[in-house]
Amino acid sequence: MMYQFSFRYLSRKFTNPIITNHGVWEIRESIIIRLIDAENNIGWGEIAPISWFGSETLEQALDFCHQLPETISQEIILGISDKLPACQFAFESAFSGNTETNFNLTYSGLLSAGKAGLNQWGSLWEQGYKTFKWKIGVDDINPELGIFDLLISSLPTSAKLRLDANGGLTYQEAELWLTKCDQFLDKIEFIEQPLAVDKFTQMQELSNLYLTKIALDESIANFTQLEYCFQQGWRGIFVIKPGIFGSPSRLREFCQKYQIDVVCSSVFETEIGRQAALQLASELSLNHRAVGFGVNHFFPPQASNWLETLWKTS
């Protein structure tokens, strides 16, 4: 199968910057790709790298797209290097096609770091969110623990809270957080990536010492890392970002073979990447945990014809 290939660069500014342990993120850049087959069927994909999370850089993705001919084969797509996982996801999604839009999923709403999160959860709750994610490891631990006390006491009884450290805690800080969270097991769903990627053994140790569940995120940014952590005995929660993970078909095969506890999460993609990722999430969410795609409030609304406009003006 041969495809006519074209692509466009896209830049969107966050309504409010995303603040994590990795720094401040103000603009989301991505690449929208289009594949047209011999019968004029159009497939869309989105390359949305996060290099500090382990994917290729945007520049590497752009270089790859520029080097491709205008007509490409399915063999070229399936042969994309593992060093370009966001490209793998976008191209495979584009030729696989995805027409479904209504997925039987619940969503976790992302709260801003710090005190800002205290004022956000209410409007998200009114929109139907029952699970929230709050970034930690951004400020000194004592102020954060104080804000946490305010947040956990204000949330409704039926709400669930996820804490995401982005690998930013020391072992001692992780112990403080886990000790605190063990007091609220009815409300805390899990702590995500408390320690850095190179502290996998210590995270295994913590998962055995405390009742609060721990989820891996940065530690399993790609397929090689997922396989490694699973082979090393991790049987906790796996937070997977399909948009930067790599080949959807390889991920699907692995998850279905080993029945792992998966939470699929956003990389702040557009509707193009989001639909492809949610398709995977609907297949892989065996324990029906809320998916981490409650992020639309971090962007201004997109015009309904943004894709058409992008192709005309570029």
C-alpha atoms as a PDB file:
ATOM      1  CA  MET A   1       0.000   0.000   0.000  1.00  0.00           C
ATOM      2  CA  MET A   2       1.310   3.425  -1.003  1.00  0.00           C
ATOM      3  CA  TYR A   3       0.382   6.778   0.522  1.00  0.00           C
ATOM      4  CA  GLN A   4       0.721  10.419  -0.440  1.00  0.00           C
ATOM      5  CA  PHE A   5       2.423  12.034   2.537  1.00  0.00           C
ATOM      6  CA  SER A   6       2.327  15.622   3.775  1.00  0.00           C
ATOM      7  CA  PHE A   7       2.801  17.316   7.137  1.00  0.00           C
ATOM      8  CA  ARG A   8       2.365  20.627   8.920  1.00  0.00           C
ATOM      9  CA  TYR A   9       3.956  22.164  12.021  1.00  0.00           C
ATOM     10  CA  LEU A  10       1.549  23.290  14.756  1.00  0.00           C
ATOM     11  CA  SER A  11       2.119  25.499  17.795  1.00  0.00           C
ATOM     12  CA  ARG A  12      -0.421  26.090  20.579  1.00  0.00           C
ATOM     13  CA  LYS A  13       0.035  28.174  23.706  1.00  0.00           C
ATOM     14  CA  PHE A  14      -1.203  26.806  27.016  1.00  0.00           C
ATOM     15  CA  THR A  15      -3.853  28.927  28.744  1.00  0.00           C
ATOM     16  CA  ASN A  16      -1.700  28.604  31.854  1.00  0.00           C
ATOM     17  CA  PRO A  17       1.847  27.205  31.741  1.00  0.00           C
ATOM     18  CA  ILE A  18       2.280  23.578  32.819  1.00  0.00           C
ATOM     19  CA  ILE A  19       4.583  23.431  35.845  1.00  0.00           C
ATOM     20  CA  THR A  20       6.218  20.145  36.783  1.00  0.00           C
ATOM     21  CA  ASN A  21       9.454  18.961  38.347  1.00  0.00           C
ATOM     22  CA  HIS A  22      10.924  19.164  34.815  1.00  0.00           C
ATOM     23  CA  GLY A  23      10.278  22.911  34.567  1.00  0.00           C
ATOM     24  CA  VAL A  24       7.789  25.359  33.044  1.00  0.00           C
ATOM     25  CA  TRP A  25       6.107  24.484  29.735  1.00  0.00           C
ATOM     26  CA  GLU A  26       4.363  27.323  27.881  1.00  0.00           C
ATOM     27  CA  ILE A  27       3.903  26.206  24.253  1.00  0.00           C
ATOM     28  CA  ARG A  28       2.853  22.818  22.873  1.00  0.00           C
ATOM     29  CA  GLU A  29       4.476  22.111  19.499  1.00  0.00           C
ATOM     30  CA  SER A  30       3.560  19.146  17.333  1.00  0.00           C
ATOM     31  CA  ILE A  31       3.428  17.944  13.741  1.00  0.00           C
ATOM     32  CA  ILE A  32       0.205  16.916  12.023  1.00  0.00           C
ATOM     33  CA  ILE A  33       0.679  14.326   9.271  1.00  0.00           C
ATOM     34  CA  ARG A  34      -1.682  13.316   6.472  1.00  0.00           C
ATOM     35  CA  LEU A  35      -1.646  10.069   4.481  1.00  0.00           C
ATOM     36  CA  ILE A  36      -3.826   9.605   1.377  1.00  0.00           C
ATOM     37  CA  ASP A  37      -4.147   6.135  -0.126  1.00  0.00           C
ATOM     38  CA  ALA A  38      -4.893   5.126  -3.709  1.00  0.00           C
ATOM     39  CA  GLU A  39      -8.651   5.385  -3.090  1.00  0.00           C
ATOM     40  CA  ASN A  40      -8.316   8.914  -1.671  1.00  0.00           C
ATOM     41  CA  ASN A  41      -8.982   7.814   1.903  1.00  0.00           C
ATOM     42  CA  ILE A  42      -7.328  10.246   4.286  1.00  0.00           C
ATOM     43  CA  GLY A  43      -5.598   9.202   7.489  1.00  0.00           C
ATOM     44  CA  TRP A  44      -4.381  11.696  10.080  1.00  0.00           C
ATOM     45  CA  GLY A  45      -1.692  11.378  12.713  1.00  0.00           C
ATOM     46  CA  GLU A  46       0.051  13.625  15.202  1.00  0.00           C
ATOM     47  CA  ILE A  47       3.706  13.658  16.225  1.00  0.00           C
ATOM     48  CA  ALA A  48       3.778  15.256  19.672  1.00  0.00           C
ATOM     49  CA  PRO A  49       7.195  14.611  21.245  1.00  0.00           C
ATOM     50  CA  ILE A  50       8.207  15.314  24.831  1.00  0.00           C
ATOM     51  CA  SER A  51      11.987  15.023  24.686  1.00  0.00           C
ATOM     52  CA  TRP A  52      12.545  15.430  28.431  1.00  0.00           C
ATOM     53  CA  PHE A  53      10.268  12.431  28.912  1.00  0.00           C
ATOM     54  CA  GLY A  54      12.396  10.250  26.676  1.00  0.00           C
ATOM     55  CA  SER A  55      11.011  10.707  23.156  1.00  0.00           C
ATOM     56  CA  GLU A  56      12.747  12.276  20.195  1.00  0.00           C
ATOM     57  CA  THR A  57      12.926  16.067  19.990  1.00  0.00           C
ATOM     58  CA  LEU A  58      10.605  18.082  17.781  1.00  0.00           C
ATOM     59  CA  GLU A  59      13.611  18.963  15.604  1.00  0.00           C
ATOM     60  CA  GLN A  60      14.430  15.275  15.085  1.00  0.00           C
ATOM     61  CA  ALA A  61      10.806  14.580  14.145  1.00  0.00           C
ATOM     62  CA  LEU A  62      10.773  17.475  11.675  1.00  0.00           C
ATOM     63  CA  ASP A  63      14.047  16.280  10.134  1.00  0.00           C
ATOM     64  CA  PHE A  64      12.548  12.820   9.685  1.00  0.00           C
ATOM     65  CA  CYS A  65       9.448  14.217   7.969  1.00  0.00           C
ATOM     66  CA  HIS A  66      11.516  16.445   5.677  1.00  0.00           C
ATOM     67  CA  GLN A  67      13.613  13.461   4.603  1.00  0.00           C
ATOM     68  CA  LEU A  68      10.616  11.369   3.549  1.00  0.00           C
ATOM     69  CA  PRO A  69       9.461  11.346  -0.083  1.00  0.00           C
ATOM     70  CA  GLU A  70       5.991  12.572  -1.018  1.00  0.00           C
ATOM     71  CA  THR A  71       4.929   8.964  -1.650  1.00  0.00           C
ATOM     72  CA  ILE A  72       5.672   6.443   1.086  1.00  0.00           C
ATOM     73  CA  SER A  73       4.919   2.752   1.616  1.00  0.00           C
ATOM     74  CA  GLN A  74       3.520   0.847   4.553  1.00  0.00           C
ATOM     75  CA  GLU A  75       6.932  -0.812   4.839  1.00  0.00           C
ATOM     76  CA  ILE A  76       8.561   2.593   5.445  1.00  0.00           C
ATOM     77  CA  ILE A  77       6.018   3.338   8.155  1.00  0.00           C
ATOM     78  CA  LEU A  78       6.500   0.012   9.934  1.00  0.00           C
ATOM     79  CA  GLY A  79      10.265   0.446   9.668  1.00  0.00           C
ATOM     80  CA  ILE A  80      10.463   3.738  11.577  1.00  0.00           C
ATOM     81  CA  SER A  81      13.264   3.599  14.146  1.00  0.00           C
ATOM     82  CA  ASP A  82      12.521   2.994  17.831  1.00  0.00           C
ATOM     83  CA  LYS A  83      14.501   6.200  18.404  1.00  0.00           C
ATOM     84  CA  LEU A  84      11.481   8.054  16.960  1.00  0.00           C
ATOM     85  CA  PRO A  85       8.608   6.734  19.136  1.00  0.00           C
ATOM     86  CA  ALA A  86       6.297   9.750  18.645  1.00  0.00           C
ATOM     87  CA  CYS A  87       6.760   9.352  14.876  1.00  0.00           C
ATOM     88  CA  GLN A  88       5.994   5.628  15.133  1.00  0.00           C
ATOM     89  CA  PHE A  89       2.743   6.383  16.936  1.00  0.00           C
ATOM     90  CA  ALA A  90       1.637   9.088  14.493  1.00  0.00           C
ATOM     91  CA  PHE A  91       2.351   7.229  11.263  1.00  0.00           C
ATOM     92  CA  GLU A  92       0.939   3.894  12.427  1.00  0.00           C
ATOM     93  CA  SER A  93      -2.186   5.662  13.730  1.00  0.00           C
ATOM     94  CA  ALA A  94      -2.616   7.483  10.421  1.00  0.00           C
ATOM     95  CA  PHE A  95      -2.573   4.411   8.212  1.00  0.00           C
ATOM     96  CA  SER A  96      -4.535   2.256  10.654  1.00  0.00           C
ATOM     97  CA  GLY A  97      -7.442   4.715  10.633  1.00  0.00           C
ATOM     98  CA  ASN A  98      -9.660   5.619  13.565  1.00  0.00           C
ATOM     99  CA  THR A  99     -13.250   6.639  13.021  1.00  0.00           C
ATOM    100  CA  GLU A 100     -14.662   5.925  16.470  1.00  0.00           C
ATOM    101  CA  THR A 101     -15.206   8.967  18.678  1.00  0.00           C
ATOM    102  CA  ASN A 102     -17.357   7.711  21.557  1.00  0.00           C
ATOM    103  CA  PHE A 103     -15.274   5.680  23.985  1.00  0.00           C
ATOM    104  CA  ASN A 104     -16.651   4.110  27.152  1.00  0.00           C
ATOM    105  CA  LEU A 105     -14.065   5.771  29.388  1.00  0.00           C
ATOM    106  CA  THR A 106     -13.940   7.950  32.481  1.00  0.00           C
ATOM    107  CA  TYR A 107     -11.445  10.802  32.687  1.00  0.00           C
ATOM    108  CA  SER A 108      -9.043  12.187  35.264  1.00  0.00           C
ATOM    109  CA  GLY A 109      -8.876  15.983  35.399  1.00  0.00           C
ATOM    110  CA  LEU A 110      -5.409  17.531  35.671  1.00  0.00           C
ATOM    111  CA  LEU A 111      -5.045  20.222  38.329  1.00  0.00           C
ATOM    112  CA  SER A 112      -2.396  22.937  38.232  1.00  0.00           C
ATOM    113  CA  ALA A 113       0.500  22.565  40.646  1.00  0.00           C
ATOM    114  CA  GLY A 114       0.523  24.418  43.963  1.00  0.00           C
ATOM    115  CA  LYS A 115      -2.357  26.412  45.394  1.00  0.00           C
ATOM    116  CA  ALA A 116      -3.914  26.929  41.942  1.00  0.00           C
ATOM    117  CA  GLY A 117      -5.253  23.386  42.098  1.00  0.00           C
ATOM    118  CA  LEU A 118      -7.437  24.277  45.073  1.00  0.00           C
ATOM    119  CA  ASN A 119      -9.513  26.575  42.886  1.00  0.00           C
ATOM    120  CA  GLN A 120      -9.735  24.254  39.873  1.00  0.00           C
ATOM    121  CA  TRP A 121     -11.248  21.009  41.042  1.00  0.00           C
ATOM    122  CA  GLY A 122     -14.720  22.481  41.696  1.00  0.00           C
ATOM    123  CA  SER A 123     -15.436  23.458  38.095  1.00  0.00           C
ATOM    124  CA  LEU A 124     -14.042  20.140  36.859  1.00  0.00           C
ATOM    125  CA  TRP A 125     -16.261  18.290  39.344  1.00  0.00           C
ATOM    126  CA  GLU A 126     -19.272  20.132  37.929  1.00  0.00           C
ATOM    127  CA  GLN A 127     -18.212  18.960  34.452  1.00  0.00           C
ATOM    128  CA  GLY A 128     -18.379  15.364  35.646  1.00  0.00           C
ATOM    129  CA  TYR A 129     -14.815  14.600  36.702  1.00  0.00           C
ATOM    130  CA  LYS A 130     -14.551  12.342  39.748  1.00  0.00           C
ATOM    131  CA  THR A 131     -10.791  11.684  39.582  1.00  0.00           C
ATOM    132  CA  PHE A 132      -8.116  14.382  39.752  1.00  0.00           C
ATOM    133  CA  LYS A 133      -4.351  14.501  39.317  1.00  0.00           C
ATOM    134  CA  TRP A 134      -2.165  17.008  41.163  1.00  0.00           C
ATOM    135  CA  LYS A 135       1.540  17.650  40.552  1.00  0.00           C
ATOM    136  CA  ILE A 136       3.904  17.378  43.520  1.00  0.00           C
ATOM    137  CA  GLY A 137       7.669  17.720  43.848  1.00  0.00           C
ATOM    138  CA  VAL A 138       7.394  21.198  42.330  1.00  0.00           C
ATOM    139  CA  ASP A 139       7.877  23.218  45.537  1.00  0.00           C
ATOM    140  CA  ASP A 140       9.418  22.524  48.949  1.00  0.00           C
ATOM    141  CA  ILE A 141       7.761  19.526  50.556  1.00  0.00           C
ATOM    142  CA  ASN A 142       6.355  21.245  53.668  1.00  0.00           C
ATOM    143  CA  PRO A 143       4.298  23.864  51.765  1.00  0.00           C
ATOM    144  CA  GLU A 144       3.107  21.146  49.387  1.00  0.00           C
ATOM    145  CA  LEU A 145       2.013  18.902  52.232  1.00  0.00           C
ATOM    146  CA  GLY A 146       0.088  21.852  53.672  1.00  0.00           C
ATOM    147  CA  ILE A 147      -1.693  22.452  50.358  1.00  0.00           C
ATOM    148  CA  PHE A 148      -2.367  18.721  50.094  1.00  0.00           C
ATOM    149  CA  ASP A 149      -4.119  18.790  53.477  1.00  0.00           C
ATOM    150  CA  LEU A 150      -6.375  21.582  52.219  1.00  0.00           C
ATOM    151  CA  LEU A 151      -7.032  19.797  48.928  1.00  0.00           C
ATOM    152  CA  ILE A 152      -7.790  16.361  50.365  1.00  0.00           C
ATOM    153  CA  SER A 153     -10.128  17.830  52.999  1.00  0.00           C
ATOM    154  CA  SER A 154     -12.038  19.862  50.411  1.00  0.00           C
ATOM    155  CA  LEU A 155     -12.614  17.059  47.892  1.00  0.00           C
ATOM    156  CA  PRO A 156     -15.969  15.233  48.013  1.00  0.00           C
ATOM    157  CA  THR A 157     -15.985  11.820  49.702  1.00  0.00           C
ATOM    158  CA  SER A 158     -16.405   9.975  46.404  1.00  0.00           C
ATOM    159  CA  ALA A 159     -13.538  11.802  44.641  1.00  0.00           C
ATOM    160  CA  LYS A 160     -10.214  10.110  43.874  1.00  0.00           C
ATOM    161  CA  LEU A 161      -6.855  11.892  43.816  1.00  0.00           C
ATOM    162  CA  ARG A 162      -3.663  10.947  42.003  1.00  0.00           C
ATOM    163  CA  LEU A 163      -0.351  12.580  42.943  1.00  0.00           C
ATOM    164  CA  ASP A 164       2.280  12.936  40.225  1.00  0.00           C
ATOM    165  CA  ALA A 165       5.870  13.654  41.293  1.00  0.00           C
ATOM    166  CA  ASN A 166       7.434  13.320  37.808  1.00  0.00           C
ATOM    167  CA  GLY A 167      10.383  11.603  39.473  1.00  0.00           C
ATOM    168  CA  GLY A 168      11.102  14.666  41.599  1.00  0.00           C
ATOM    169  CA  LEU A 169      11.166  13.283  45.151  1.00  0.00           C
ATOM    170  CA  THR A 170      14.044  12.003  47.257  1.00  0.00           C
ATOM    171  CA  TYR A 171      13.570   8.637  48.960  1.00  0.00           C
ATOM    172  CA  GLN A 172      12.938  10.390  52.278  1.00  0.00           C
ATOM    173  CA  GLU A 173      10.382  12.753  50.700  1.00  0.00           C
ATOM    174  CA  ALA A 174       8.634   9.808  49.067  1.00  0.00           C
ATOM    175  CA  GLU A 175       8.388   8.148  52.474  1.00  0.00           C
ATOM    176  CA  LEU A 176       6.783  11.293  53.926  1.00  0.00           C
ATOM    177  CA  TRP A 177       4.266  11.454  51.090  1.00  0.00           C
ATOM    178  CA  LEU A 178       3.430   7.743  51.273  1.00  0.00           C
ATOM    179  CA  THR A 179       3.026   7.904  55.055  1.00  0.00           C
ATOM    180  CA  LYS A 180       0.624  10.812  54.586  1.00  0.00           C
ATOM    181  CA  CYS A 181      -1.268   9.097  51.764  1.00  0.00           C
ATOM    182  CA  ASP A 182      -1.671   5.884  53.758  1.00  0.00           C
ATOM    183  CA  GLN A 183      -3.977   7.926  56.001  1.00  0.00           C
ATOM    184  CA  PHE A 184      -6.300   8.591  53.046  1.00  0.00           C
ATOM    185  CA  LEU A 185      -6.480   5.262  51.221  1.00  0.00           C
ATOM    186  CA  ASP A 186     -10.157   5.832  50.411  1.00  0.00           C
ATOM    187  CA  LYS A 187      -9.247   8.944  48.414  1.00  0.00           C
ATOM    188  CA  ILE A 188      -5.704   8.425  47.084  1.00  0.00           C
ATOM    189  CA  GLU A 189      -5.644   6.206  44.016  1.00  0.00           C
ATOM    190  CA  PHE A 190      -1.858   6.209  43.559  1.00  0.00           C
ATOM    191  CA  ILE A 191       1.373   8.227  43.554  1.00  0.00           C
ATOM    192  CA  GLU A 192       2.881   8.452  40.109  1.00  0.00           C
ATOM    193  CA  GLN A 193       6.660   8.151  39.590  1.00  0.00           C
ATOM    194  CA  PRO A 194       7.821   9.318  43.038  1.00  0.00           C
ATOM    195  CA  LEU A 195      11.516   8.715  42.281  1.00  0.00           C
ATOM    196  CA  ALA A 196      13.769   9.236  39.271  1.00  0.00           C
ATOM    197  CA  VAL A 197      13.974   6.638  36.508  1.00  0.00           C
ATOM    198  CA  ASP A 198      17.282   5.266  37.810  1.00  0.00           C
ATOM    199  CA  LYS A 199      15.691   4.517  41.209  1.00  0.00           C
ATOM    200  CA  PHE A 200      13.535   1.608  40.042  1.00  0.00           C
ATOM    201  CA  THR A 201      14.679  -0.781  42.792  1.00  0.00           C
ATOM    202  CA  GLN A 202      13.867   1.800  45.456  1.00  0.00           C
ATOM    203  CA  MET A 203      10.384   2.288  43.987  1.00  0.00           C
ATOM    204  CA  GLN A 204       9.823  -1.455  44.150  1.00  0.00           C
ATOM    205  CA  GLU A 205      10.901  -1.318  47.788  1.00  0.00           C
ATOM    206  CA  LEU A 206       8.509   1.551  48.577  1.00  0.00           C
ATOM    207  CA  SER A 207       5.633  -0.257  46.876  1.00  0.00           C
ATOM    208  CA  ASN A 208       6.145  -3.140  49.320  1.00  0.00           C
ATOM    209  CA  LEU A 209       6.484  -0.920  52.406  1.00  0.00           C
ATOM    210  CA  TYR A 210       3.354   1.203  52.012  1.00  0.00           C
ATOM    211  CA  LEU A 211      -0.311   0.572  51.261  1.00  0.00           C
ATOM    212  CA  THR A 212      -0.664   3.464  48.805  1.00  0.00           C
ATOM    213  CA  LYS A 213      -0.226   2.214  45.243  1.00  0.00           C
ATOM    214  CA  ILE A 214       2.691   3.446  43.150  1.00  0.00           C
ATOM    215  CA  ALA A 215       2.498   3.925  39.385  1.00  0.00           C
ATOM    216  CA  LEU A 216       5.422   4.025  36.964  1.00  0.00           C
ATOM    217  CA  ASP A 217       5.403   6.767  34.325  1.00  0.00           C
ATOM    218  CA  GLU A 218       8.769   8.188  33.190  1.00  0.00           C
ATOM    219  CA  SER A 219      10.276   4.752  33.931  1.00  0.00           C
ATOM    220  CA  ILE A 220       8.205   3.226  31.119  1.00  0.00           C
ATOM    221  CA  ALA A 221       8.311   5.985  28.508  1.00  0.00           C
ATOM    222  CA  ASN A 222       8.929   3.504  25.692  1.00  0.00           C
ATOM    223  CA  PHE A 223       8.531  -0.158  24.846  1.00  0.00           C
ATOM    224  CA  THR A 224      12.072  -1.177  25.882  1.00  0.00           C
ATOM    225  CA  GLN A 225      11.597   0.360  29.325  1.00  0.00           C
ATOM    226  CA  LEU A 226       8.163  -1.237  29.727  1.00  0.00           C
ATOM    227  CA  GLU A 227       9.570  -4.675  28.947  1.00  0.00           C
ATOM    228  CA  TYR A 228      12.480  -4.147  31.350  1.00  0.00           C
ATOM    229  CA  CYS A 229      10.329  -3.051  34.301  1.00  0.00           C
ATOM    230  CA  PHE A 230       7.904  -5.908  33.732  1.00  0.00           C
ATOM    231  CA  GLN A 231      10.741  -8.441  33.528  1.00  0.00           C
ATOM    232  CA  GLN A 232      12.165  -7.009  36.760  1.00  0.00           C
ATOM    233  CA  GLY A 233       8.900  -7.882  38.469  1.00  0.00           C
ATOM    234  CA  TRP A 234       6.872  -4.673  38.489  1.00  0.00           C
ATOM    235  CA  ARG A 235       3.209  -5.615  38.869  1.00  0.00           C
ATOM    236  CA  GLY A 236       1.899  -2.253  40.012  1.00  0.00           C
ATOM    237  CA  ILE A 237       0.282   0.368  37.821  1.00  0.00           C
ATOM    238  CA  PHE A 238       1.756   1.373  34.452  1.00  0.00           C
ATOM    239  CA  VAL A 239       0.977   4.919  33.249  1.00  0.00           C
ATOM    240  CA  ILE A 240       1.504   4.898  29.497  1.00  0.00           C
ATOM    241  CA  LYS A 241       1.523   7.916  27.188  1.00  0.00           C
ATOM    242  CA  PRO A 242       0.583   6.398  23.820  1.00  0.00           C
ATOM    243  CA  GLY A 243       1.533   9.569  21.921  1.00  0.00           C
ATOM    244  CA  ILE A 244       5.238   9.163  22.733  1.00  0.00           C
ATOM    245  CA  PHE A 245       5.386   5.459  23.525  1.00  0.00           C
ATOM    246  CA  GLY A 246       5.971   4.072  20.049  1.00  0.00           C
ATOM    247  CA  SER A 247       4.152   1.489  17.932  1.00  0.00           C
ATOM    248  CA  PRO A 248       0.485   1.105  18.970  1.00  0.00           C
ATOM    249  CA  SER A 249       0.361  -2.467  17.674  1.00  0.00           C
ATOM    250  CA  ARG A 250       3.361  -3.588  19.771  1.00  0.00           C
ATOM    251  CA  LEU A 251       1.918  -1.901  22.860  1.00  0.00           C
ATOM    252  CA  ARG A 252      -1.473  -3.510  22.290  1.00  0.00           C
ATOM    253  CA  GLU A 253       0.067  -6.968  21.869  1.00  0.00           C
ATOM    254  CA  PHE A 254       2.159  -6.665  25.050  1.00  0.00           C
ATOM    255  CA  CYS A 255      -0.670  -5.357  27.243  1.00  0.00           C
ATOM    256  CA  GLN A 256      -3.120  -7.974  26.054  1.00  0.00           C
ATOM    257  CA  LYS A 257      -0.592 -10.774  26.499  1.00  0.00           C
ATOM    258  CA  TYR A 258       0.362  -9.879  30.077  1.00  0.00           C
ATOM    259  CA  GLN A 259      -2.874  -8.201  31.239  1.00  0.00           C
ATOM    260  CA  ILE A 260      -1.019  -5.360  32.971  1.00  0.00           C
ATOM    261  CA  ASP A 261      -2.742  -2.609  34.965  1.00  0.00           C
ATOM    262  CA  VAL A 262      -2.625   0.307  32.504  1.00  0.00           C
ATOM    263  CA  VAL A 263      -3.592   3.964  32.790  1.00  0.00           C
ATOM    264  CA  CYS A 264      -3.286   5.770  29.456  1.00  0.00           C
ATOM    265  CA  SER A 265      -2.353   9.424  29.697  1.00  0.00           C
ATOM    266  CA  SER A 266      -2.254  12.496  27.465  1.00  0.00           C
ATOM    267  CA  VAL A 267       0.774  14.292  26.047  1.00  0.00           C
ATOM    268  CA  PHE A 268      -1.299  17.442  25.438  1.00  0.00           C
ATOM    269  CA  GLU A 269      -2.041  16.431  21.876  1.00  0.00           C
ATOM    270  CA  THR A 270      -4.750  17.805  19.573  1.00  0.00           C
ATOM    271  CA  GLU A 271      -7.915  15.902  18.760  1.00  0.00           C
ATOM    272  CA  ILE A 272      -5.945  14.008  16.093  1.00  0.00           C
ATOM    273  CA  GLY A 273      -3.541  12.342  18.511  1.00  0.00           C
ATOM    274  CA  ARG A 274      -6.163  12.206  21.231  1.00  0.00           C
ATOM    275  CA  GLN A 275      -8.559  10.017  19.224  1.00  0.00           C
ATOM    276  CA  ALA A 276      -5.822   7.539  18.349  1.00  0.00           C
ATOM    277  CA  ALA A 277      -4.647   7.393  21.969  1.00  0.00           C
ATOM    278  CA  LEU A 278      -8.181   6.983  23.321  1.00  0.00           C
ATOM    279  CA  GLN A 279      -8.763   4.109  20.898  1.00  0.00           C
ATOM    280  CA  LEU A 280      -5.827   2.329  22.529  1.00  0.00           C
ATOM    281  CA  ALA A 281      -6.990   3.307  26.008  1.00  0.00           C
ATOM    282  CA  SER A 282     -10.425   1.826  25.393  1.00  0.00           C
ATOM    283  CA  GLU A 283      -8.789  -1.499  24.519  1.00  0.00           C
ATOM    284  CA  LEU A 284      -6.145  -1.584  27.249  1.00  0.00           C
ATOM    285  CA  SER A 285      -7.884  -0.178  30.351  1.00  0.00           C
ATOM    286  CA  LEU A 286      -8.637  -3.564  31.874  1.00  0.00           C
ATOM    287  CA  ASN A 287      -9.246  -2.213  35.391  1.00  0.00           C
ATOM    288  CA  HIS A 288     -11.336   0.696  34.107  1.00  0.00           C
ATOM    289  CA  ARG A 289      -9.225   3.341  35.788  1.00  0.00           C
ATOM    290  CA  ALA A 290      -9.901   6.904  34.673  1.00  0.00           C
ATOM    291  CA  VAL A 291      -7.693   7.849  31.711  1.00  0.00           C
ATOM    292  CA  GLY A 292      -5.445  10.877  32.025  1.00  0.00           C
ATOM    293  CA  PHE A 293      -6.960  12.950  29.242  1.00  0.00           C
ATOM    294  CA  GLY A 294      -8.747  15.621  31.269  1.00  0.00           C
ATOM    295  CA  VAL A 295      -6.481  18.382  29.964  1.00  0.00           C
ATOM    296  CA  ASN A 296      -8.581  20.371  27.496  1.00  0.00           C
ATOM    297  CA  HIS A 297      -8.939  23.222  29.989  1.00  0.00           C
ATOM    298  CA  PHE A 298      -5.226  23.956  29.543  1.00  0.00           C
ATOM    299  CA  PHE A 299      -5.831  25.182  25.976  1.00  0.00           C
ATOM    300  CA  PRO A 300      -8.103  27.826  24.445  1.00  0.00           C
ATOM    301  CA  PRO A 301     -10.833  26.306  22.220  1.00  0.00           C
ATOM    302  CA  GLN A 302      -9.734  25.343  18.704  1.00  0.00           C
ATOM    303  CA  ALA A 303     -11.775  26.485  15.707  1.00  0.00           C
ATOM    304  CA  SER A 304     -13.779  23.664  14.143  1.00  0.00           C
ATOM    305  CA  ASN A 305     -11.959  24.139  10.820  1.00  0.00           C
ATOM    306  CA  TRP A 306      -8.443  24.394  12.306  1.00  0.00           C
ATOM    307  CA  LEU A 307      -7.163  21.396  10.353  1.00  0.00           C
ATOM    308  CA  GLU A 308      -8.401  22.712   7.009  1.00  0.00           C
ATOM    309  CA  THR A 309      -6.957  26.121   7.822  1.00  0.00           C
ATOM    310  CA  LEU A 310      -3.605  24.606   8.792  1.00  0.00           C
ATOM    311  CA  TRP A 311      -3.260  22.902   5.408  1.00  0.00           C
ATOM    312  CA  LYS A 312      -4.302  25.990   3.447  1.00  0.00           C
ATOM    313  CA  THR A 313      -2.093  28.507   5.227  1.00  0.00           C
ATOM    314  CA  SER A 314       1.122  26.512   5.570  1.00  0.00           C
END
